[in-house]
Amino acid sequence: ALTIHALLDSPRASGAYQFVIHPGANSRMDVRA
């Protein structure tokens, strides 16, 4: 699996994200925000 963190910003919101990507026949992304 591959783990990615991201910082989001916009005029009226900001946020933190974590994506854990599990590749496979049907890939899955575990998203936390």
PDB file of all heavy atoms in Angstrom:
ATOM      1  N   ALA A   1       0.851  -1.191   0.000  1.00  0.00           N
ATOM      2  CA  ALA A   1       0.000   0.000   0.000  1.00  0.00           C
ATOM      3  C   ALA A   1       0.882   1.235   0.000  1.00  0.00           C
ATOM      4  O   ALA A   1       2.037   1.207   0.426  1.00  0.00           O
ATOM      5  CB  ALA A   1      -0.938  -0.002   1.204  1.00  0.00           C
ATOM      6  N   LEU A   2       0.315   2.340  -0.499  1.00  0.00           N
ATOM      7  CA  LEU A   2       1.017   3.614  -0.559  1.00  0.00           C
ATOM      8  C   LEU A   2       0.206   4.650   0.208  1.00  0.00           C
ATOM      9  O   LEU A   2      -1.005   4.767   0.003  1.00  0.00           O
ATOM     10  CB  LEU A   2       1.187   4.064  -2.012  1.00  0.00           C
ATOM     11  CG  LEU A   2       1.920   5.399  -2.244  1.00  0.00           C
ATOM     12  CD1 LEU A   2       3.384   5.270  -1.844  1.00  0.00           C
ATOM     13  CD2 LEU A   2       1.795   5.832  -3.713  1.00  0.00           C
ATOM     14  N   THR A   3       0.875   5.412   1.097  1.00  0.00           N
ATOM     15  CA  THR A   3       0.197   6.410   1.924  1.00  0.00           C
ATOM     16  C   THR A   3       0.567   7.812   1.465  1.00  0.00           C
ATOM     17  O   THR A   3       1.743   8.156   1.326  1.00  0.00           O
ATOM     18  CB  THR A   3       0.568   6.234   3.405  1.00  0.00           C
ATOM     19  OG1 THR A   3       0.155   4.929   3.837  1.00  0.00           O
ATOM     20  CG2 THR A   3      -0.132   7.274   4.268  1.00  0.00           C
ATOM     21  N   ILE A   4      -0.478   8.627   1.251  1.00  0.00           N
ATOM     22  CA  ILE A   4      -0.324  10.002   0.780  1.00  0.00           C
ATOM     23  C   ILE A   4      -1.086  10.919   1.726  1.00  0.00           C
ATOM     24  O   ILE A   4      -2.249  10.655   2.052  1.00  0.00           O
ATOM     25  CB  ILE A   4      -0.869  10.156  -0.656  1.00  0.00           C
ATOM     26  CG1 ILE A   4      -0.100   9.258  -1.623  1.00  0.00           C
ATOM     27  CG2 ILE A   4      -0.818  11.612  -1.109  1.00  0.00           C
ATOM     28  CD1 ILE A   4      -0.743   9.141  -2.994  1.00  0.00           C
ATOM     29  N   HIS A   5      -0.451  11.998   2.167  1.00  0.00           N
ATOM     30  CA  HIS A   5      -1.107  13.028   2.963  1.00  0.00           C
ATOM     31  C   HIS A   5      -1.243  14.278   2.094  1.00  0.00           C
ATOM     32  O   HIS A   5      -0.375  14.564   1.269  1.00  0.00           O
ATOM     33  CB  HIS A   5      -0.297  13.364   4.219  1.00  0.00           C
ATOM     34  CG  HIS A   5       0.011  12.175   5.070  1.00  0.00           C
ATOM     35  ND1 HIS A   5      -0.863  11.685   6.017  1.00  0.00           N
ATOM     36  CD2 HIS A   5       1.099  11.356   5.104  1.00  0.00           C
ATOM     37  CE1 HIS A   5      -0.328  10.633   6.614  1.00  0.00           C
ATOM     38  NE2 HIS A   5       0.864  10.409   6.080  1.00  0.00           N
ATOM     39  N   ALA A   6      -2.333  15.025   2.302  1.00  0.00           N
ATOM     40  CA  ALA A   6      -2.556  16.209   1.473  1.00  0.00           C
ATOM     41  C   ALA A   6      -3.179  17.319   2.303  1.00  0.00           C
ATOM     42  O   ALA A   6      -4.012  17.068   3.176  1.00  0.00           O
ATOM     43  CB  ALA A   6      -3.456  15.872   0.287  1.00  0.00           C
ATOM     44  N   LEU A   7      -2.764  18.549   1.991  1.00  0.00           N
ATOM     45  CA  LEU A   7      -3.331  19.743   2.599  1.00  0.00           C
ATOM     46  C   LEU A   7      -4.219  20.422   1.573  1.00  0.00           C
ATOM     47  O   LEU A   7      -3.796  20.664   0.432  1.00  0.00           O
ATOM     48  CB  LEU A   7      -2.216  20.692   3.034  1.00  0.00           C
ATOM     49  CG  LEU A   7      -2.644  22.020   3.679  1.00  0.00           C
ATOM     50  CD1 LEU A   7      -3.338  21.778   5.013  1.00  0.00           C
ATOM     51  CD2 LEU A   7      -1.435  22.937   3.853  1.00  0.00           C
ATOM     52  N   LEU A   8      -5.459  20.731   1.970  1.00  0.00           N
ATOM     53  CA  LEU A   8      -6.441  21.349   1.066  1.00  0.00           C
ATOM     54  C   LEU A   8      -6.731  22.765   1.537  1.00  0.00           C
ATOM     55  O   LEU A   8      -6.776  23.035   2.740  1.00  0.00           O
ATOM     56  CB  LEU A   8      -7.710  20.500   1.033  1.00  0.00           C
ATOM     57  CG  LEU A   8      -8.898  20.997   0.205  1.00  0.00           C
ATOM     58  CD1 LEU A   8      -9.553  19.825  -0.521  1.00  0.00           C
ATOM     59  CD2 LEU A   8      -9.932  21.678   1.107  1.00  0.00           C
ATOM     60  N   ASP A   9      -6.971  23.668   0.578  1.00  0.00           N
ATOM     61  CA  ASP A   9      -7.303  25.044   0.936  1.00  0.00           C
ATOM     62  C   ASP A   9      -8.224  25.632  -0.120  1.00  0.00           C
ATOM     63  O   ASP A   9      -8.196  25.237  -1.296  1.00  0.00           O
ATOM     64  CB  ASP A   9      -6.032  25.885   1.058  1.00  0.00           C
ATOM     65  CG  ASP A   9      -6.253  27.170   1.865  1.00  0.00           C
ATOM     66  OD1 ASP A   9      -7.249  27.242   2.599  1.00  0.00           O
ATOM     67  OD2 ASP A   9      -5.416  28.082   1.751  1.00  0.00           O
ATOM     68  N   SER A  10      -9.059  26.575   0.298  1.00  0.00           N
ATOM     69  CA  SER A  10      -9.953  27.303  -0.596  1.00  0.00           C
ATOM     70  C   SER A  10     -10.460  28.521   0.165  1.00  0.00           C
ATOM     71  O   SER A  10     -10.221  28.653   1.367  1.00  0.00           O
ATOM     72  CB  SER A  10     -11.115  26.422  -1.060  1.00  0.00           C
ATOM     73  OG  SER A  10     -12.085  26.276  -0.047  1.00  0.00           O
ATOM     74  N   PRO A  11     -11.170  29.434  -0.495  1.00  0.00           N
ATOM     75  CA  PRO A  11     -11.604  30.642   0.208  1.00  0.00           C
ATOM     76  C   PRO A  11     -12.404  30.384   1.476  1.00  0.00           C
ATOM     77  O   PRO A  11     -12.286  31.134   2.444  1.00  0.00           O
ATOM     78  CB  PRO A  11     -12.452  31.363  -0.849  1.00  0.00           C
ATOM     79  CG  PRO A  11     -11.822  30.967  -2.145  1.00  0.00           C
ATOM     80  CD  PRO A  11     -11.412  29.531  -1.952  1.00  0.00           C
ATOM     81  N   ARG A  12     -13.218  29.305   1.516  1.00  0.00           N
ATOM     82  CA  ARG A  12     -14.066  29.096   2.687  1.00  0.00           C
ATOM     83  C   ARG A  12     -13.798  27.797   3.421  1.00  0.00           C
ATOM     84  O   ARG A  12     -14.565  27.445   4.324  1.00  0.00           O
ATOM     85  CB  ARG A  12     -15.544  29.168   2.272  1.00  0.00           C
ATOM     86  CG  ARG A  12     -16.011  30.587   1.944  1.00  0.00           C
ATOM     87  CD  ARG A  12     -17.475  30.598   1.547  1.00  0.00           C
ATOM     88  NE  ARG A  12     -17.663  29.992   0.231  1.00  0.00           N
ATOM     89  CZ  ARG A  12     -18.852  29.643  -0.269  1.00  0.00           C
ATOM     90  NH1 ARG A  12     -19.949  29.817   0.462  1.00  0.00           N
ATOM     91  NH2 ARG A  12     -18.943  29.130  -1.474  1.00  0.00           N
ATOM     92  N   ALA A  13     -12.739  27.079   3.100  1.00  0.00           N
ATOM     93  CA  ALA A  13     -12.471  25.813   3.794  1.00  0.00           C
ATOM     94  C   ALA A  13     -11.002  25.446   3.683  1.00  0.00           C
ATOM     95  O   ALA A  13     -10.310  25.836   2.733  1.00  0.00           O
ATOM     96  CB  ALA A  13     -13.332  24.691   3.225  1.00  0.00           C
ATOM     97  N   SER A  14     -10.546  24.703   4.668  1.00  0.00           N
ATOM     98  CA  SER A  14      -9.231  24.066   4.605  1.00  0.00           C
ATOM     99  C   SER A  14      -9.405  22.651   5.137  1.00  0.00           C
ATOM    100  O   SER A  14     -10.414  22.328   5.778  1.00  0.00           O
ATOM    101  CB  SER A  14      -8.191  24.833   5.430  1.00  0.00           C
ATOM    102  OG  SER A  14      -8.537  24.799   6.808  1.00  0.00           O
ATOM    103  N   GLY A  15      -8.426  21.795   4.882  1.00  0.00           N
ATOM    104  CA  GLY A  15      -8.602  20.426   5.333  1.00  0.00           C
ATOM    105  C   GLY A  15      -7.337  19.604   5.223  1.00  0.00           C
ATOM    106  O   GLY A  15      -6.388  19.959   4.504  1.00  0.00           O
ATOM    107  N   ALA A  16      -7.322  18.497   5.972  1.00  0.00           N
ATOM    108  CA  ALA A  16      -6.230  17.526   5.932  1.00  0.00           C
ATOM    109  C   ALA A  16      -6.790  16.203   5.437  1.00  0.00           C
ATOM    110  O   ALA A  16      -7.889  15.798   5.835  1.00  0.00           O
ATOM    111  CB  ALA A  16      -5.616  17.357   7.322  1.00  0.00           C
ATOM    112  N   TYR A  17      -6.024  15.532   4.579  1.00  0.00           N
ATOM    113  CA  TYR A  17      -6.455  14.260   3.999  1.00  0.00           C
ATOM    114  C   TYR A  17      -5.332  13.232   4.112  1.00  0.00           C
ATOM    115  O   TYR A  17      -4.149  13.572   4.014  1.00  0.00           O
ATOM    116  CB  TYR A  17      -6.824  14.420   2.523  1.00  0.00           C
ATOM    117  CG  TYR A  17      -8.144  15.110   2.302  1.00  0.00           C
ATOM    118  CD1 TYR A  17      -8.265  16.486   2.470  1.00  0.00           C
ATOM    119  CD2 TYR A  17      -9.282  14.395   1.940  1.00  0.00           C
ATOM    120  CE1 TYR A  17      -9.471  17.125   2.274  1.00  0.00           C
ATOM    121  CE2 TYR A  17     -10.497  15.024   1.744  1.00  0.00           C
ATOM    122  CZ  TYR A  17     -10.592  16.398   1.911  1.00  0.00           C
ATOM    123  OH  TYR A  17     -11.791  17.025   1.726  1.00  0.00           O
ATOM    124  N   GLN A  18      -5.763  11.989   4.277  1.00  0.00           N
ATOM    125  CA  GLN A  18      -4.839  10.865   4.201  1.00  0.00           C
ATOM    126  C   GLN A  18      -5.443   9.828   3.260  1.00  0.00           C
ATOM    127  O   GLN A  18      -6.611   9.441   3.406  1.00  0.00           O
ATOM    128  CB  GLN A  18      -4.605  10.234   5.575  1.00  0.00           C
ATOM    129  CG  GLN A  18      -3.631   9.053   5.550  1.00  0.00           C
ATOM    130  CD  GLN A  18      -3.561   8.355   6.894  1.00  0.00           C
ATOM    131  OE1 GLN A  18      -4.500   7.673   7.307  1.00  0.00           O
ATOM    132  NE2 GLN A  18      -2.454   8.551   7.603  1.00  0.00           N
ATOM    133  N   PHE A  19      -4.669   9.409   2.275  1.00  0.00           N
ATOM    134  CA  PHE A  19      -5.086   8.380   1.329  1.00  0.00           C
ATOM    135  C   PHE A  19      -4.146   7.183   1.468  1.00  0.00           C
ATOM    136  O   PHE A  19      -2.937   7.333   1.302  1.00  0.00           O
ATOM    137  CB  PHE A  19      -5.022   8.897  -0.110  1.00  0.00           C
ATOM    138  CG  PHE A  19      -5.824  10.135  -0.365  1.00  0.00           C
ATOM    139  CD1 PHE A  19      -5.263  11.396  -0.217  1.00  0.00           C
ATOM    140  CD2 PHE A  19      -7.153  10.058  -0.766  1.00  0.00           C
ATOM    141  CE1 PHE A  19      -5.994  12.553  -0.463  1.00  0.00           C
ATOM    142  CE2 PHE A  19      -7.895  11.201  -1.008  1.00  0.00           C
ATOM    143  CZ  PHE A  19      -7.322  12.450  -0.856  1.00  0.00           C
ATOM    144  N   VAL A  20      -4.703   6.024   1.766  1.00  0.00           N
ATOM    145  CA  VAL A  20      -3.927   4.784   1.775  1.00  0.00           C
ATOM    146  C   VAL A  20      -4.441   3.944   0.615  1.00  0.00           C
ATOM    147  O   VAL A  20      -5.596   3.509   0.620  1.00  0.00           O
ATOM    148  CB  VAL A  20      -4.053   4.035   3.105  1.00  0.00           C
ATOM    149  CG1 VAL A  20      -3.167   2.778   3.085  1.00  0.00           C
ATOM    150  CG2 VAL A  20      -3.662   4.939   4.272  1.00  0.00           C
ATOM    151  N   ILE A  21      -3.595   3.742  -0.382  1.00  0.00           N
ATOM    152  CA  ILE A  21      -4.016   3.132  -1.643  1.00  0.00           C
ATOM    153  C   ILE A  21      -3.568   1.675  -1.669  1.00  0.00           C
ATOM    154  O   ILE A  21      -2.379   1.376  -1.564  1.00  0.00           O
ATOM    155  CB  ILE A  21      -3.426   3.900  -2.828  1.00  0.00           C
ATOM    156  CG1 ILE A  21      -3.773   5.393  -2.698  1.00  0.00           C
ATOM    157  CG2 ILE A  21      -3.927   3.343  -4.146  1.00  0.00           C
ATOM    158  CD1 ILE A  21      -2.969   6.275  -3.598  1.00  0.00           C
ATOM    159  N   HIS A  22      -4.547   0.780  -1.830  1.00  0.00           N
ATOM    160  CA  HIS A  22      -4.295  -0.657  -1.876  1.00  0.00           C
ATOM    161  C   HIS A  22      -4.562  -1.132  -3.309  1.00  0.00           C
ATOM    162  O   HIS A  22      -5.716  -1.289  -3.708  1.00  0.00           O
ATOM    163  CB  HIS A  22      -5.207  -1.403  -0.907  1.00  0.00           C
ATOM    164  CG  HIS A  22      -5.114  -0.938   0.518  1.00  0.00           C
ATOM    165  ND1 HIS A  22      -4.303  -1.549   1.447  1.00  0.00           N
ATOM    166  CD2 HIS A  22      -5.732   0.079   1.165  1.00  0.00           C
ATOM    167  CE1 HIS A  22      -4.429  -0.941   2.612  1.00  0.00           C
ATOM    168  NE2 HIS A  22      -5.285   0.055   2.468  1.00  0.00           N
ATOM    169  N   PRO A  23      -3.520  -1.344  -4.117  1.00  0.00           N
ATOM    170  CA  PRO A  23      -3.752  -1.765  -5.502  1.00  0.00           C
ATOM    171  C   PRO A  23      -4.191  -3.218  -5.582  1.00  0.00           C
ATOM    172  O   PRO A  23      -3.863  -4.045  -4.720  1.00  0.00           O
ATOM    173  CB  PRO A  23      -2.379  -1.569  -6.152  1.00  0.00           C
ATOM    174  CG  PRO A  23      -1.395  -1.655  -5.023  1.00  0.00           C
ATOM    175  CD  PRO A  23      -2.101  -1.141  -3.807  1.00  0.00           C
ATOM    176  N   GLY A  24      -4.965  -3.529  -6.631  1.00  0.00           N
ATOM    177  CA  GLY A  24      -5.419  -4.894  -6.828  1.00  0.00           C
ATOM    178  C   GLY A  24      -6.393  -4.980  -7.980  1.00  0.00           C
ATOM    179  O   GLY A  24      -6.568  -4.035  -8.754  1.00  0.00           O
ATOM    180  N   ALA A  25      -7.060  -6.131  -8.110  1.00  0.00           N
ATOM    181  CA  ALA A  25      -8.065  -6.296  -9.155  1.00  0.00           C
ATOM    182  C   ALA A  25      -9.126  -5.209  -9.026  1.00  0.00           C
ATOM    183  O   ALA A  25      -9.555  -4.608 -10.017  1.00  0.00           O
ATOM    184  CB  ALA A  25      -8.691  -7.681  -9.058  1.00  0.00           C
ATOM    185  N   ASN A  26      -9.577  -4.955  -7.822  1.00  0.00           N
ATOM    186  CA  ASN A  26     -10.395  -3.791  -7.483  1.00  0.00           C
ATOM    187  C   ASN A  26      -9.614  -2.985  -6.455  1.00  0.00           C
ATOM    188  O   ASN A  26      -9.620  -3.313  -5.266  1.00  0.00           O
ATOM    189  CB  ASN A  26     -11.746  -4.218  -6.905  1.00  0.00           C
ATOM    190  CG  ASN A  26     -12.706  -4.726  -7.958  1.00  0.00           C
ATOM    191  OD1 ASN A  26     -12.484  -4.543  -9.153  1.00  0.00           O
ATOM    192  ND2 ASN A  26     -13.779  -5.365  -7.532  1.00  0.00           N
ATOM    193  N   SER A  27      -8.912  -1.958  -6.903  1.00  0.00           N
ATOM    194  CA  SER A  27      -8.103  -1.169  -5.980  1.00  0.00           C
ATOM    195  C   SER A  27      -8.997  -0.450  -4.978  1.00  0.00           C
ATOM    196  O   SER A  27     -10.169  -0.153  -5.252  1.00  0.00           O
ATOM    197  CB  SER A  27      -7.248  -0.162  -6.741  1.00  0.00           C
ATOM    198  OG  SER A  27      -6.288  -0.822  -7.548  1.00  0.00           O
ATOM    199  N   ARG A  28      -8.435  -0.179  -3.808  1.00  0.00           N
ATOM    200  CA  ARG A  28      -9.191   0.494  -2.746  1.00  0.00           C
ATOM    201  C   ARG A  28      -8.363   1.640  -2.193  1.00  0.00           C
ATOM    202  O   ARG A  28      -7.152   1.509  -2.005  1.00  0.00           O
ATOM    203  CB  ARG A  28      -9.515  -0.497  -1.624  1.00  0.00           C
ATOM    204  CG  ARG A  28     -10.431   0.079  -0.550  1.00  0.00           C
ATOM    205  CD  ARG A  28     -10.649  -0.897   0.595  1.00  0.00           C
ATOM    206  NE  ARG A  28      -9.591  -0.819   1.600  1.00  0.00           N
ATOM    207  CZ  ARG A  28      -8.833  -1.836   1.982  1.00  0.00           C
ATOM    208  NH1 ARG A  28      -8.971  -3.023   1.421  1.00  0.00           N
ATOM    209  NH2 ARG A  28      -7.905  -1.666   2.918  1.00  0.00           N
ATOM    210  N   MET A  29      -9.045   2.765  -1.927  1.00  0.00           N
ATOM    211  CA  MET A  29      -8.407   3.894  -1.282  1.00  0.00           C
ATOM    212  C   MET A  29      -9.096   4.137   0.053  1.00  0.00           C
ATOM    213  O   MET A  29     -10.311   4.378   0.095  1.00  0.00           O
ATOM    214  CB  MET A  29      -8.500   5.149  -2.153  1.00  0.00           C
ATOM    215  CG  MET A  29      -7.813   5.004  -3.504  1.00  0.00           C
ATOM    216  SD  MET A  29      -7.918   6.509  -4.540  1.00  0.00           S
ATOM    217  CE  MET A  29      -6.814   7.607  -3.638  1.00  0.00           C
ATOM    218  N   ASP A  30      -8.342   4.049   1.142  1.00  0.00           N
ATOM    219  CA  ASP A  30      -8.867   4.374   2.465  1.00  0.00           C
ATOM    220  C   ASP A  30      -8.623   5.865   2.703  1.00  0.00           C
ATOM    221  O   ASP A  30      -7.477   6.317   2.743  1.00  0.00           O
ATOM    222  CB  ASP A  30      -8.162   3.551   3.545  1.00  0.00           C
ATOM    223  CG  ASP A  30      -8.398   2.051   3.374  1.00  0.00           C
ATOM    224  OD1 ASP A  30      -9.407   1.689   2.757  1.00  0.00           O
ATOM    225  OD2 ASP A  30      -7.556   1.263   3.846  1.00  0.00           O
ATOM    226  N   VAL A  31      -9.703   6.611   2.840  1.00  0.00           N
ATOM    227  CA  VAL A  31      -9.621   8.069   2.910  1.00  0.00           C
ATOM    228  C   VAL A  31     -10.034   8.538   4.299  1.00  0.00           C
ATOM    229  O   VAL A  31     -11.086   8.137   4.816  1.00  0.00           O
ATOM    230  CB  VAL A  31     -10.536   8.730   1.851  1.00  0.00           C
ATOM    231  CG1 VAL A  31     -10.360  10.250   1.875  1.00  0.00           C
ATOM    232  CG2 VAL A  31     -10.235   8.176   0.464  1.00  0.00           C
ATOM    233  N   ARG A  32      -9.197   9.373   4.878  1.00  0.00           N
ATOM    234  CA  ARG A  32      -9.493  10.017   6.157  1.00  0.00           C
ATOM    235  C   ARG A  32      -9.364  11.517   5.957  1.00  0.00           C
ATOM    236  O   ARG A  32      -8.423  11.972   5.299  1.00  0.00           O
ATOM    237  CB  ARG A  32      -8.517   9.541   7.228  1.00  0.00           C
ATOM    238  CG  ARG A  32      -8.720  10.173   8.604  1.00  0.00           C
ATOM    239  CD  ARG A  32      -7.607   9.766   9.557  1.00  0.00           C
ATOM    240  NE  ARG A  32      -7.767  10.380  10.870  1.00  0.00           N
ATOM    241  CZ  ARG A  32      -6.842  10.341  11.835  1.00  0.00           C
ATOM    242  NH1 ARG A  32      -5.696   9.705  11.618  1.00  0.00           N
ATOM    243  NH2 ARG A  32      -7.062  10.922  12.996  1.00  0.00           N
ATOM    244  N   ALA A  33     -10.303  12.288   6.500  1.00  0.00           N
ATOM    245  CA  ALA A  33     -10.269  13.730   6.280  1.00  0.00           C
ATOM    246  C   ALA A  33     -10.716  14.474   7.528  1.00  0.00           C
ATOM    247  O   ALA A  33     -11.537  13.973   8.315  1.00  0.00           O
ATOM    248  CB  ALA A  33     -11.165  14.112   5.102  1.00  0.00           C
TER     249      ALA A  33
END
